Amino acid sequence: MAKPANLSNGVAPFWVETGDGNFVPSGNCIGFYVEVGGDVSFVSNGNTITRNFQPSQIVSAQIESFVAAGTTATGICALVI
């Protein structure tokens, strides 16, 4: 499988504010940033996952959507390519 052009040429992801609620990225989400720590609920590979993250943490993962229910962290930004 060929890499998308933006992966082949080293283009950095866009940071998109999620609004700390239900959010479906318009593009491939390769991770997220948490400004104020707490739980973040998200869907990855069809599974809803809720984990606790520290403040100022960057997480790399394939994210299909963010879920408001169960999310206590704030200042969440999706990293979208």
Protein backbone atom coordinates (compact mmCIF):
# COMPACT_ATOMS: atom_id res chain seq x y z
CA MET A 1 0.00 0.00 0.00
CA ALA A 2 1.43 3.36 -1.02
CA LYS A 3 1.85 6.11 1.53
CA PRO A 4 -0.33 9.21 1.13
CA ALA A 5 1.66 12.08 -0.41
CA ASN A 6 1.69 14.07 2.84
CA LEU A 7 3.39 11.17 4.65
CA SER A 8 5.95 10.63 1.92
CA ASN A 9 7.12 14.24 1.92
CA GLY A 10 7.22 14.77 5.69
CA VAL A 11 4.34 17.26 6.01
CA ALA A 12 3.45 17.90 9.64
CA PRO A 13 -0.14 17.36 10.85
CA PHE A 14 -2.64 20.14 11.38
CA TRP A 15 -3.74 20.81 14.97
CA VAL A 16 -7.54 20.99 15.19
CA GLU A 17 -9.40 21.86 18.41
CA THR A 18 -11.93 19.16 19.25
CA GLY A 19 -14.06 21.35 21.49
CA ASP A 20 -13.62 18.66 24.16
CA GLY A 21 -16.85 17.00 22.99
CA ASN A 22 -18.01 14.64 20.27
CA PHE A 23 -15.69 15.26 17.33
CA VAL A 24 -15.04 13.43 14.07
CA PRO A 25 -11.84 14.61 12.36
CA SER A 26 -12.08 15.55 8.68
CA GLY A 27 -8.99 13.65 7.60
CA ASN A 28 -6.74 11.04 9.11
CA CYS A 29 -6.23 11.69 12.82
CA ILE A 30 -2.82 10.39 13.89
CA GLY A 31 -2.97 11.50 17.52
CA PHE A 32 -3.92 14.26 19.90
CA TYR A 33 -2.64 16.74 22.46
CA VAL A 34 -4.13 17.18 25.96
CA GLU A 35 -3.69 20.61 27.56
CA VAL A 36 -5.34 19.88 30.94
CA GLY A 37 -5.02 16.24 32.02
CA GLY A 38 -7.85 13.84 32.65
CA ASP A 39 -9.73 11.07 30.89
CA VAL A 40 -10.09 11.11 27.11
CA SER A 41 -12.61 8.84 25.34
CA PHE A 42 -12.03 8.08 21.68
CA VAL A 43 -12.75 5.46 19.05
CA SER A 44 -9.79 3.63 17.51
CA ASN A 45 -10.15 0.62 15.20
CA GLY A 46 -13.87 0.48 16.05
CA ASN A 47 -13.26 0.28 19.82
CA THR A 48 -14.20 3.00 22.31
CA ILE A 49 -11.26 3.56 24.64
CA THR A 50 -11.12 5.76 27.75
CA ARG A 51 -7.73 6.43 29.31
CA ASN A 52 -6.26 9.01 31.67
CA PHE A 53 -3.65 11.36 30.21
CA GLN A 54 -1.31 13.85 31.85
CA PRO A 55 -1.34 17.60 31.10
CA SER A 56 0.65 18.68 28.03
CA GLN A 57 0.77 15.11 26.76
CA ILE A 58 0.93 14.22 23.05
CA VAL A 59 -0.46 10.81 22.15
CA SER A 60 0.14 9.10 18.81
CA ALA A 61 -2.70 6.83 17.70
CA GLN A 62 -5.15 6.36 14.85
CA ILE A 63 -8.34 8.04 16.05
CA GLU A 64 -11.69 7.70 14.26
CA SER A 65 -13.59 10.03 16.60
CA PHE A 66 -13.54 11.64 20.04
CA VAL A 67 -16.37 10.95 22.50
CA ALA A 68 -17.68 13.52 25.00
CA ALA A 69 -19.06 10.91 27.41
CA GLY A 70 -16.28 9.91 29.78
CA THR A 71 -13.95 12.75 28.75
CA THR A 72 -12.77 14.98 31.62
CA ALA A 73 -9.57 16.33 30.03
CA THR A 74 -9.76 19.73 28.34
CA GLY A 75 -7.87 21.60 25.65
CA ILE A 76 -7.79 18.55 23.37
CA CYS A 77 -6.39 19.10 19.89
CA ALA A 78 -6.48 16.42 17.19
CA LEU A 79 -3.40 15.97 14.98
CA VAL A 80 -4.86 15.54 11.49
CA ILE A 81 -3.11 14.81 8.18
